[in-house]
Amino acid sequence: MSITIASSNPVNSDIETGHALLTAKKVQGQQELEGQMAVKLIEGASVDAAQLPTTASSGHNINIKV
């Protein structure tokens, strides 16, 4: 059996369609995973206002150990 470019053989087109669908599904899964990771990163970086110090001298004292 030979495979040619622009073949009208339905077997070839079914295989190509199948590979395209598998590739699209893997890409979708990867995008969903990256989206979940981005949401977790954003949620982890958010700072709750109740946890912030309320003193006026916040940031004026820096402890440096050498």
C-alpha atoms as a PDB file:
ATOM      1  CA  MET A   1       0.000   0.000   0.000  1.00  0.00           C
ATOM      2  CA  SER A   2       1.362   3.393  -0.905  1.00  0.00           C
ATOM      3  CA  ILE A   3       0.329   6.707   0.578  1.00  0.00           C
ATOM      4  CA  THR A   4       0.275   9.709  -1.681  1.00  0.00           C
ATOM      5  CA  ILE A   5      -0.254  13.380  -1.002  1.00  0.00           C
ATOM      6  CA  ALA A   6      -3.781  14.635  -1.753  1.00  0.00           C
ATOM      7  CA  SER A   7      -5.072  11.099  -1.839  1.00  0.00           C
ATOM      8  CA  SER A   8      -8.819  10.644  -1.877  1.00  0.00           C
ATOM      9  CA  ASN A   9      -8.521   7.308  -0.112  1.00  0.00           C
ATOM     10  CA  PRO A  10     -10.982   7.394   2.831  1.00  0.00           C
ATOM     11  CA  VAL A  11      -8.670   5.279   5.011  1.00  0.00           C
ATOM     12  CA  ASN A  12      -5.925   7.914   4.817  1.00  0.00           C
ATOM     13  CA  SER A  13      -8.303  10.739   5.610  1.00  0.00           C
ATOM     14  CA  ASP A  14      -9.763   8.805   8.562  1.00  0.00           C
ATOM     15  CA  ILE A  15      -6.280   8.244   9.964  1.00  0.00           C
ATOM     16  CA  GLU A  16      -5.375  11.906   9.498  1.00  0.00           C
ATOM     17  CA  THR A  17      -8.633  13.013  11.133  1.00  0.00           C
ATOM     18  CA  GLY A  18      -8.017  10.621  14.020  1.00  0.00           C
ATOM     19  CA  HIS A  19      -4.504  11.964  14.573  1.00  0.00           C
ATOM     20  CA  ALA A  20      -5.776  15.533  14.400  1.00  0.00           C
ATOM     21  CA  LEU A  21      -8.442  14.794  17.008  1.00  0.00           C
ATOM     22  CA  LEU A  22      -5.936  13.117  19.338  1.00  0.00           C
ATOM     23  CA  THR A  23      -3.550  16.037  18.965  1.00  0.00           C
ATOM     24  CA  ALA A  24      -6.322  18.561  19.630  1.00  0.00           C
ATOM     25  CA  LYS A  25      -7.395  16.658  22.765  1.00  0.00           C
ATOM     26  CA  LYS A  26      -3.827  16.598  24.104  1.00  0.00           C
ATOM     27  CA  VAL A  27      -3.429  20.322  23.426  1.00  0.00           C
ATOM     28  CA  GLN A  28      -6.711  21.029  25.202  1.00  0.00           C
ATOM     29  CA  GLY A  29      -5.609  18.984  28.218  1.00  0.00           C
ATOM     30  CA  GLN A  30      -2.292  20.844  28.370  1.00  0.00           C
ATOM     31  CA  GLN A  31      -4.045  24.224  28.169  1.00  0.00           C
ATOM     32  CA  GLU A  32      -6.423  23.258  30.975  1.00  0.00           C
ATOM     33  CA  LEU A  33      -3.492  22.153  33.136  1.00  0.00           C
ATOM     34  CA  GLU A  34      -1.624  25.406  32.490  1.00  0.00           C
ATOM     35  CA  GLY A  35      -4.788  27.367  33.283  1.00  0.00           C
ATOM     36  CA  GLN A  36      -5.184  25.566  36.614  1.00  0.00           C
ATOM     37  CA  MET A  37      -1.540  26.242  37.439  1.00  0.00           C
ATOM     38  CA  ALA A  38      -1.963  29.941  36.610  1.00  0.00           C
ATOM     39  CA  VAL A  39      -5.043  30.223  38.831  1.00  0.00           C
ATOM     40  CA  LYS A  40      -3.187  28.553  41.721  1.00  0.00           C
ATOM     41  CA  LEU A  41      -0.247  30.923  41.218  1.00  0.00           C
ATOM     42  CA  ILE A  42      -2.513  33.978  41.238  1.00  0.00           C
ATOM     43  CA  GLU A  43      -4.398  32.750  44.304  1.00  0.00           C
ATOM     44  CA  GLY A  44      -1.116  32.059  46.098  1.00  0.00           C
ATOM     45  CA  ALA A  45       0.205  35.537  45.308  1.00  0.00           C
ATOM     46  CA  SER A  46      -2.863  37.393  46.575  1.00  0.00           C
ATOM     47  CA  VAL A  47      -2.343  39.087  49.921  1.00  0.00           C
ATOM     48  CA  ASP A  48      -5.164  39.266  52.415  1.00  0.00           C
ATOM     49  CA  ALA A  49      -5.622  42.810  53.741  1.00  0.00           C
ATOM     50  CA  ALA A  50      -6.282  41.474  57.253  1.00  0.00           C
ATOM     51  CA  GLN A  51      -2.772  40.005  57.383  1.00  0.00           C
ATOM     52  CA  LEU A  52      -0.988  43.267  56.588  1.00  0.00           C
ATOM     53  CA  PRO A  53       0.505  45.196  59.493  1.00  0.00           C
ATOM     54  CA  THR A  54      -1.383  48.354  60.371  1.00  0.00           C
ATOM     55  CA  THR A  55       1.491  50.266  61.963  1.00  0.00           C
ATOM     56  CA  ALA A  56       2.738  53.469  60.399  1.00  0.00           C
ATOM     57  CA  SER A  57       6.356  52.339  60.730  1.00  0.00           C
ATOM     58  CA  SER A  58       5.879  49.343  58.500  1.00  0.00           C
ATOM     59  CA  GLY A  59       8.931  48.932  56.288  1.00  0.00           C
ATOM     60  CA  HIS A  60      11.106  51.413  58.202  1.00  0.00           C
ATOM     61  CA  ASN A  61      12.905  48.805  60.305  1.00  0.00           C
ATOM     62  CA  ILE A  62      14.989  46.377  58.329  1.00  0.00           C
ATOM     63  CA  ASN A  63      16.732  43.551  60.142  1.00  0.00           C
ATOM     64  CA  ILE A  64      19.993  42.570  58.442  1.00  0.00           C
ATOM     65  CA  LYS A  65      22.151  39.758  59.800  1.00  0.00           C
ATOM     66  CA  VAL A  66      25.653  39.338  58.433  1.00  0.00           C
END
